[in-house]
PDB file of N, CA and C in Angstrom:
ATOM      1  N   MET A   1      16.460  55.687  -6.557  1.00  0.00           N
ATOM      2  CA  MET A   1      15.189  55.304  -7.131  1.00  0.00           C
ATOM      3  C   MET A   1      14.836  53.908  -6.643  1.00  0.00           C
ATOM      4  N   THR A   2      13.720  53.755  -5.971  1.00  0.00           N
ATOM      5  CA  THR A   2      13.309  52.478  -5.412  1.00  0.00           C
ATOM      6  C   THR A   2      12.385  51.762  -6.374  1.00  0.00           C
ATOM      7  N   ARG A   3      12.626  50.485  -6.544  1.00  0.00           N
ATOM      8  CA  ARG A   3      11.770  49.671  -7.408  1.00  0.00           C
ATOM      9  C   ARG A   3      11.217  48.523  -6.594  1.00  0.00           C
ATOM     10  N   HIS A   4      10.002  48.095  -6.933  1.00  0.00           N
ATOM     11  CA  HIS A   4       9.355  46.990  -6.237  1.00  0.00           C
ATOM     12  C   HIS A   4       8.923  45.939  -7.254  1.00  0.00           C
ATOM     13  N   PRO A   5       9.864  45.112  -7.760  1.00  0.00           N
ATOM     14  CA  PRO A   5       9.512  44.152  -8.801  1.00  0.00           C
ATOM     15  C   PRO A   5       8.588  43.035  -8.333  1.00  0.00           C
ATOM     16  N   ALA A   6       8.510  42.774  -7.018  1.00  0.00           N
ATOM     17  CA  ALA A   6       7.702  41.667  -6.526  1.00  0.00           C
ATOM     18  C   ALA A   6       6.207  41.961  -6.587  1.00  0.00           C
ATOM     19  N   ARG A   7       5.826  43.221  -6.563  1.00  0.00           N
ATOM     20  CA  ARG A   7       4.399  43.536  -6.618  1.00  0.00           C
ATOM     21  C   ARG A   7       4.079  44.309  -7.892  1.00  0.00           C
ATOM     22  N   LYS A   8       2.831  44.275  -8.273  1.00  0.00           N
ATOM     23  CA  LYS A   8       2.409  44.968  -9.488  1.00  0.00           C
ATOM     24  C   LYS A   8       2.458  46.472  -9.250  1.00  0.00           C
ATOM     25  N   SER A   9       3.184  47.167 -10.108  1.00  0.00           N
ATOM     26  CA  SER A   9       3.325  48.607  -9.930  1.00  0.00           C
ATOM     27  C   SER A   9       2.200  49.343 -10.650  1.00  0.00           C
ATOM     28  N   PRO A  10       1.880  50.545 -10.169  1.00  0.00           N
ATOM     29  CA  PRO A  10       0.832  51.324 -10.835  1.00  0.00           C
ATOM     30  C   PRO A  10       1.306  51.799 -12.197  1.00  0.00           C
ATOM     31  N   LYS A  11       0.372  52.050 -13.057  1.00  0.00           N
ATOM     32  CA  LYS A  11       0.697  52.586 -14.383  1.00  0.00           C
ATOM     33  C   LYS A  11       1.045  54.067 -14.240  1.00  0.00           C
ATOM     34  N   VAL A  12       1.996  54.508 -15.036  1.00  0.00           N
ATOM     35  CA  VAL A  12       2.373  55.917 -15.066  1.00  0.00           C
ATOM     36  C   VAL A  12       2.327  56.394 -16.508  1.00  0.00           C
ATOM     37  N   ARG A  13       2.109  57.669 -16.673  1.00  0.00           N
ATOM     38  CA  ARG A  13       2.049  58.255 -18.012  1.00  0.00           C
ATOM     39  C   ARG A  13       3.458  58.499 -18.523  1.00  0.00           C
ATOM     40  N   ALA A  14       3.692  58.174 -19.781  1.00  0.00           N
ATOM     41  CA  ALA A  14       4.994  58.408 -20.415  1.00  0.00           C
ATOM     42  C   ALA A  14       4.746  59.075 -21.765  1.00  0.00           C
ATOM     43  N   THR A  15       5.492  60.098 -22.036  1.00  0.00           N
ATOM     44  CA  THR A  15       5.383  60.783 -23.323  1.00  0.00           C
ATOM     45  C   THR A  15       6.605  60.431 -24.146  1.00  0.00           C
ATOM     46  N   LEU A  16       6.374  59.932 -25.342  1.00  0.00           N
ATOM     47  CA  LEU A  16       7.463  59.619 -26.249  1.00  0.00           C
ATOM     48  C   LEU A  16       6.989  59.826 -27.674  1.00  0.00           C
ATOM     49  N   TYR A  17       7.940  59.924 -28.562  1.00  0.00           N
ATOM     50  CA  TYR A  17       7.619  60.171 -29.964  1.00  0.00           C
ATOM     51  C   TYR A  17       7.940  58.934 -30.779  1.00  0.00           C
ATOM     52  N   LEU A  18       6.985  58.545 -31.637  1.00  0.00           N
ATOM     53  CA  LEU A  18       7.126  57.378 -32.507  1.00  0.00           C
ATOM     54  C   LEU A  18       6.844  57.799 -33.940  1.00  0.00           C
ATOM     55  N   PRO A  19       7.374  57.052 -34.898  1.00  0.00           N
ATOM     56  CA  PRO A  19       7.000  57.324 -36.285  1.00  0.00           C
ATOM     57  C   PRO A  19       5.477  57.181 -36.455  1.00  0.00           C
ATOM     58  N   TYR A  20       4.888  58.082 -37.181  1.00  0.00           N
ATOM     59  CA  TYR A  20       3.437  58.108 -37.383  1.00  0.00           C
ATOM     60  C   TYR A  20       2.901  56.756 -37.844  1.00  0.00           C
ATOM     61  N   GLU A  21       3.538  56.164 -38.852  1.00  0.00           N
ATOM     62  CA  GLU A  21       3.046  54.909 -39.427  1.00  0.00           C
ATOM     63  C   GLU A  21       3.088  53.772 -38.408  1.00  0.00           C
ATOM     64  N   LEU A  22       4.120  53.748 -37.569  1.00  0.00           N
ATOM     65  CA  LEU A  22       4.239  52.702 -36.553  1.00  0.00           C
ATOM     66  C   LEU A  22       3.118  52.807 -35.529  1.00  0.00           C
ATOM     67  N   LEU A  23       2.855  54.012 -35.063  1.00  0.00           N
ATOM     68  CA  LEU A  23       1.785  54.208 -34.095  1.00  0.00           C
ATOM     69  C   LEU A  23       0.428  53.881 -34.703  1.00  0.00           C
ATOM     70  N   GLU A  24       0.191  54.285 -35.927  1.00  0.00           N
ATOM     71  CA  GLU A  24      -1.082  53.976 -36.582  1.00  0.00           C
ATOM     72  C   GLU A  24      -1.276  52.465 -36.734  1.00  0.00           C
ATOM     73  N   GLU A  25      -0.214  51.743 -37.090  1.00  0.00           N
ATOM     74  CA  GLU A  25      -0.314  50.290 -37.232  1.00  0.00           C
ATOM     75  C   GLU A  25      -0.612  49.640 -35.875  1.00  0.00           C
ATOM     76  N   ALA A  26       0.031  50.134 -34.829  1.00  0.00           N
ATOM     77  CA  ALA A  26      -0.228  49.604 -33.490  1.00  0.00           C
ATOM     78  C   ALA A  26      -1.660  49.904 -33.059  1.00  0.00           C
ATOM     79  N   ARG A  27      -2.153  51.094 -33.359  1.00  0.00           N
ATOM     80  CA  ARG A  27      -3.548  51.439 -33.034  1.00  0.00           C
ATOM     81  C   ARG A  27      -4.517  50.551 -33.796  1.00  0.00           C
ATOM     82  N   ASP A  28      -4.230  50.309 -35.090  1.00  0.00           N
ATOM     83  CA  ASP A  28      -5.088  49.424 -35.893  1.00  0.00           C
ATOM     84  C   ASP A  28      -5.142  48.032 -35.275  1.00  0.00           C
ATOM     85  N   ALA A  29      -3.974  47.516 -34.851  1.00  0.00           N
ATOM     86  CA  ALA A  29      -3.923  46.182 -34.242  1.00  0.00           C
ATOM     87  C   ALA A  29      -4.716  46.165 -32.939  1.00  0.00           C
ATOM     88  N   ALA A  30      -4.571  47.210 -32.123  1.00  0.00           N
ATOM     89  CA  ALA A  30      -5.279  47.257 -30.846  1.00  0.00           C
ATOM     90  C   ALA A  30      -6.793  47.281 -31.051  1.00  0.00           C
ATOM     91  N   VAL A  31      -7.255  48.031 -32.022  1.00  0.00           N
ATOM     92  CA  VAL A  31      -8.692  48.082 -32.297  1.00  0.00           C
ATOM     93  C   VAL A  31      -9.173  46.734 -32.832  1.00  0.00           C
ATOM     94  N   HIS A  32      -8.422  46.155 -33.757  1.00  0.00           N
ATOM     95  CA  HIS A  32      -8.815  44.888 -34.366  1.00  0.00           C
ATOM     96  C   HIS A  32      -8.848  43.747 -33.341  1.00  0.00           C
ATOM     97  N   LEU A  33      -7.945  43.796 -32.361  1.00  0.00           N
ATOM     98  CA  LEU A  33      -7.829  42.707 -31.384  1.00  0.00           C
ATOM     99  C   LEU A  33      -8.378  43.081 -30.009  1.00  0.00           C
ATOM    100  N   ALA A  34      -9.223  44.112 -29.964  1.00  0.00           N
ATOM    101  CA  ALA A  34      -9.745  44.590 -28.681  1.00  0.00           C
ATOM    102  C   ALA A  34     -10.716  43.607 -28.033  1.00  0.00           C
ATOM    103  N   GLY A  35     -11.375  42.821 -28.830  1.00  0.00           N
ATOM    104  CA  GLY A  35     -12.365  41.893 -28.290  1.00  0.00           C
ATOM    105  C   GLY A  35     -11.770  40.557 -27.888  1.00  0.00           C
ATOM    106  N   PHE A  36     -12.656  39.664 -27.510  1.00  0.00           N
ATOM    107  CA  PHE A  36     -12.276  38.302 -27.125  1.00  0.00           C
ATOM    108  C   PHE A  36     -11.610  37.615 -28.302  1.00  0.00           C
ATOM    109  N   PRO A  37     -10.576  36.850 -28.168  1.00  0.00           N
ATOM    110  CA  PRO A  37      -9.957  36.401 -26.922  1.00  0.00           C
ATOM    111  C   PRO A  37      -8.765  37.249 -26.489  1.00  0.00           C
ATOM    112  N   VAL A  38      -8.260  38.159 -27.330  1.00  0.00           N
ATOM    113  CA  VAL A  38      -7.012  38.870 -27.020  1.00  0.00           C
ATOM    114  C   VAL A  38      -7.238  40.024 -26.056  1.00  0.00           C
ATOM    115  N   ARG A  39      -8.305  40.810 -26.272  1.00  0.00           N
ATOM    116  CA  ARG A  39      -8.608  41.990 -25.460  1.00  0.00           C
ATOM    117  C   ARG A  39      -7.401  42.940 -25.379  1.00  0.00           C
ATOM    118  N   LEU A  40      -6.821  43.202 -26.546  1.00  0.00           N
ATOM    119  CA  LEU A  40      -5.627  44.036 -26.623  1.00  0.00           C
ATOM    120  C   LEU A  40      -5.982  45.510 -26.489  1.00  0.00           C
ATOM    121  N   THR A  41      -5.180  46.230 -25.730  1.00  0.00           N
ATOM    122  CA  THR A  41      -5.257  47.686 -25.655  1.00  0.00           C
ATOM    123  C   THR A  41      -3.905  48.226 -26.118  1.00  0.00           C
ATOM    124  N   LEU A  42      -3.854  49.490 -26.439  1.00  0.00           N
ATOM    125  CA  LEU A  42      -2.587  50.086 -26.846  1.00  0.00           C
ATOM    126  C   LEU A  42      -1.589  50.048 -25.685  1.00  0.00           C
ATOM    127  N   THR A  43      -2.077  50.227 -24.467  1.00  0.00           N
ATOM    128  CA  THR A  43      -1.205  50.134 -23.294  1.00  0.00           C
ATOM    129  C   THR A  43      -0.635  48.732 -23.151  1.00  0.00           C
ATOM    130  N   LYS A  44      -1.477  47.717 -23.285  1.00  0.00           N
ATOM    131  CA  LYS A  44      -1.005  46.334 -23.172  1.00  0.00           C
ATOM    132  C   LYS A  44      -0.005  46.018 -24.292  1.00  0.00           C
ATOM    133  N   PHE A  45      -0.291  46.505 -25.483  1.00  0.00           N
ATOM    134  CA  PHE A  45       0.604  46.307 -26.627  1.00  0.00           C
ATOM    135  C   PHE A  45       1.979  46.904 -26.337  1.00  0.00           C
ATOM    136  N   ALA A  46       2.011  48.147 -25.853  1.00  0.00           N
ATOM    137  CA  ALA A  46       3.278  48.821 -25.560  1.00  0.00           C
ATOM    138  C   ALA A  46       4.011  48.134 -24.415  1.00  0.00           C
ATOM    139  N   GLU A  47       3.286  47.742 -23.374  1.00  0.00           N
ATOM    140  CA  GLU A  47       3.918  47.074 -22.234  1.00  0.00           C
ATOM    141  C   GLU A  47       4.566  45.756 -22.656  1.00  0.00           C
ATOM    142  N   GLN A  48       3.865  44.978 -23.459  1.00  0.00           N
ATOM    143  CA  GLN A  48       4.429  43.702 -23.924  1.00  0.00           C
ATOM    144  C   GLN A  48       5.647  43.934 -24.815  1.00  0.00           C
ATOM    145  N   ALA A  49       5.601  44.958 -25.652  1.00  0.00           N
ATOM    146  CA  ALA A  49       6.735  45.271 -26.525  1.00  0.00           C
ATOM    147  C   ALA A  49       7.939  45.731 -25.708  1.00  0.00           C
ATOM    148  N   PHE A  50       7.714  46.579 -24.711  1.00  0.00           N
ATOM    149  CA  PHE A  50       8.802  47.036 -23.846  1.00  0.00           C
ATOM    150  C   PHE A  50       9.424  45.857 -23.110  1.00  0.00           C
ATOM    151  N   ARG A  51       8.585  44.968 -22.553  1.00  0.00           N
ATOM    152  CA  ARG A  51       9.106  43.813 -21.812  1.00  0.00           C
ATOM    153  C   ARG A  51       9.925  42.889 -22.717  1.00  0.00           C
ATOM    154  N   ALA A  52       9.439  42.633 -23.920  1.00  0.00           N
ATOM    155  CA  ALA A  52      10.160  41.754 -24.850  1.00  0.00           C
ATOM    156  C   ALA A  52      11.494  42.368 -25.255  1.00  0.00           C
ATOM    157  N   GLU A  53      11.508  43.659 -25.530  1.00  0.00           N
ATOM    158  CA  GLU A  53      12.753  44.307 -25.937  1.00  0.00           C
ATOM    159  C   GLU A  53      13.732  44.400 -24.780  1.00  0.00           C
ATOM    160  N   LEU A  54      13.252  44.689 -23.568  1.00  0.00           N
ATOM    161  CA  LEU A  54      14.134  44.704 -22.403  1.00  0.00           C
ATOM    162  C   LEU A  54      14.766  43.334 -22.177  1.00  0.00           C
ATOM    163  N   GLU A  55      13.997  42.286 -22.318  1.00  0.00           N
ATOM    164  CA  GLU A  55      14.530  40.929 -22.160  1.00  0.00           C
ATOM    165  C   GLU A  55      15.620  40.660 -23.189  1.00  0.00           C
ATOM    166  N   ARG A  56      15.369  41.057 -24.439  1.00  0.00           N
ATOM    167  CA  ARG A  56      16.360  40.879 -25.500  1.00  0.00           C
ATOM    168  C   ARG A  56      17.642  41.652 -25.195  1.00  0.00           C
ATOM    169  N   LEU A  57      17.501  42.902 -24.775  1.00  0.00           N
ATOM    170  CA  LEU A  57      18.666  43.731 -24.469  1.00  0.00           C
ATOM    171  C   LEU A  57      19.449  43.188 -23.272  1.00  0.00           C
ATOM    172  N   LYS A  58      18.743  42.736 -22.236  1.00  0.00           N
ATOM    173  CA  LYS A  58      19.418  42.148 -21.074  1.00  0.00           C
ATOM    174  C   LYS A  58      20.221  40.920 -21.481  1.00  0.00           C
ATOM    175  N   ASN A  59      19.618  40.071 -22.297  1.00  0.00           N
ATOM    176  CA  ASN A  59      20.311  38.854 -22.732  1.00  0.00           C
ATOM    177  C   ASN A  59      21.521  39.174 -23.602  1.00  0.00           C
ATOM    178  N   ARG A  60      21.382  40.137 -24.470  1.00  0.00           N
ATOM    179  CA  ARG A  60      22.463  40.451 -25.404  1.00  0.00           C
ATOM    180  C   ARG A  60      23.598  41.262 -24.777  1.00  0.00           C
ATOM    181  N   TYR A  61      23.243  42.208 -23.914  1.00  0.00           N
ATOM    182  CA  TYR A  61      24.245  43.152 -23.438  1.00  0.00           C
ATOM    183  C   TYR A  61      24.554  43.087 -21.937  1.00  0.00           C
ATOM    184  N   ASN A  62      23.788  42.318 -21.173  1.00  0.00           N
ATOM    185  CA  ASN A  62      24.004  42.338 -19.723  1.00  0.00           C
ATOM    186  C   ASN A  62      23.919  40.951 -19.098  1.00  0.00           C
ATOM    187  N   GLY A  63      24.282  39.933 -19.860  1.00  0.00           N
ATOM    188  CA  GLY A  63      24.312  38.578 -19.319  1.00  0.00           C
ATOM    189  C   GLY A  63      22.978  38.082 -18.803  1.00  0.00           C
ATOM    190  N   GLY A  64      21.888  38.618 -19.325  1.00  0.00           N
ATOM    191  CA  GLY A  64      20.558  38.200 -18.901  1.00  0.00           C
ATOM    192  C   GLY A  64      20.103  38.822 -17.591  1.00  0.00           C
ATOM    193  N   CYS A  65      20.926  39.685 -17.013  1.00  0.00           N
ATOM    194  CA  CYS A  65      20.599  40.323 -15.727  1.00  0.00           C
ATOM    195  C   CYS A  65      19.914  41.663 -15.938  1.00  0.00           C
ATOM    196  N   ASP A  66      19.183  42.095 -14.904  1.00  0.00           N
ATOM    197  CA  ASP A  66      18.585  43.427 -14.935  1.00  0.00           C
ATOM    198  C   ASP A  66      19.683  44.470 -15.054  1.00  0.00           C
ATOM    199  N   PHE A  67      19.383  45.570 -15.713  1.00  0.00           N
ATOM    200  CA  PHE A  67      20.318  46.680 -15.769  1.00  0.00           C
ATOM    201  C   PHE A  67      20.332  47.366 -14.402  1.00  0.00           C
ATOM    202  N   PRO A  68      21.463  47.931 -14.006  1.00  0.00           N
ATOM    203  CA  PRO A  68      21.502  48.618 -12.712  1.00  0.00           C
ATOM    204  C   PRO A  68      20.590  49.843 -12.742  1.00  0.00           C
ATOM    205  N   PRO A  69      20.011  50.194 -11.597  1.00  0.00           N
ATOM    206  CA  PRO A  69      19.158  51.385 -11.541  1.00  0.00           C
ATOM    207  C   PRO A  69      19.972  52.630 -11.907  1.00  0.00           C
ATOM    208  N   ARG A  70      19.356  53.521 -12.644  1.00  0.00           N
ATOM    209  CA  ARG A  70      20.046  54.750 -13.033  1.00  0.00           C
ATOM    210  C   ARG A  70      20.143  55.669 -11.825  1.00  0.00           C
ATOM    211  N   GLU A  71      21.147  56.503 -11.834  1.00  0.00           N
ATOM    212  CA  GLU A  71      21.368  57.425 -10.722  1.00  0.00           C
ATOM    213  C   GLU A  71      20.776  58.797 -10.981  1.00  0.00           C
ATOM    214  N   GLU A  72      20.323  59.036 -12.206  1.00  0.00           N
ATOM    215  CA  GLU A  72      19.702  60.320 -12.535  1.00  0.00           C
ATOM    216  C   GLU A  72      18.672  60.097 -13.628  1.00  0.00           C
ATOM    217  N   ASP A  73      17.792  61.066 -13.799  1.00  0.00           N
ATOM    218  CA  ASP A  73      16.772  60.967 -14.834  1.00  0.00           C
ATOM    219  C   ASP A  73      17.396  61.071 -16.218  1.00  0.00           C
ATOM    220  N   LEU A  74      16.683  60.536 -17.202  1.00  0.00           N
ATOM    221  CA  LEU A  74      17.140  60.651 -18.580  1.00  0.00           C
ATOM    222  C   LEU A  74      17.142  62.111 -18.995  1.00  0.00           C
ATOM    223  N   LYS A  75      18.088  62.449 -19.839  1.00  0.00           N
ATOM    224  CA  LYS A  75      18.145  63.803 -20.372  1.00  0.00           C
ATOM    225  C   LYS A  75      17.533  63.789 -21.760  1.00  0.00           C
ATOM    226  N   GLY A  76      16.789  64.812 -22.094  1.00  0.00           N
ATOM    227  CA  GLY A  76      16.203  64.919 -23.414  1.00  0.00           C
ATOM    228  C   GLY A  76      17.262  65.298 -24.439  1.00  0.00           C
ATOM    229  N   GLY A  77      16.912  65.195 -25.680  1.00  0.00           N
ATOM    230  CA  GLY A  77      17.841  65.589 -26.732  1.00  0.00           C
ATOM    231  C   GLY A  77      18.440  64.411 -27.451  1.00  0.00           C
ATOM    232  N   ARG A  78      19.557  64.660 -28.110  1.00  0.00           N
ATOM    233  CA  ARG A  78      20.218  63.630 -28.915  1.00  0.00           C
ATOM    234  C   ARG A  78      20.844  62.572 -28.016  1.00  0.00           C
ATOM    235  N   PRO A  79      20.896  61.311 -28.495  1.00  0.00           N
ATOM    236  CA  PRO A  79      21.516  60.250 -27.708  1.00  0.00           C
ATOM    237  C   PRO A  79      23.014  60.513 -27.498  1.00  0.00           C
ATOM    238  N   ILE A  80      23.533  59.967 -26.410  1.00  0.00           N
ATOM    239  CA  ILE A  80      24.957  60.090 -26.112  1.00  0.00           C
ATOM    240  C   ILE A  80      25.725  59.183 -27.068  1.00  0.00           C
ATOM    241  N   ALA A  81      26.766  59.703 -27.706  1.00  0.00           N
ATOM    242  CA  ALA A  81      27.581  58.911 -28.628  1.00  0.00           C
ATOM    243  C   ALA A  81      28.445  57.937 -27.832  1.00  0.00           C
ATOM    244  N   ALA A  82      28.616  56.748 -28.386  1.00  0.00           N
ATOM    245  CA  ALA A  82      29.421  55.734 -27.696  1.00  0.00           C
ATOM    246  C   ALA A  82      30.892  55.944 -27.961  1.00  0.00           C
TER     247      ALA A  82
END
């Protein structure tokens, strides 16, 4: 899997499941902050949340470094037990 962190990558569609209340709260925030000065969209909200959580996980579990690229796609279903 090739990654190009130096340039802006195109957006891709991702399907995931979230608790109803969490998604509704995020949608409410996006609508409320859609105008100037924030111009928040649900996509921007999710992207910022993913980036912040990835940074936290890298710092806590990987010495602040990027995680190695995966060798296969994620499998659906229950998480793998540690």
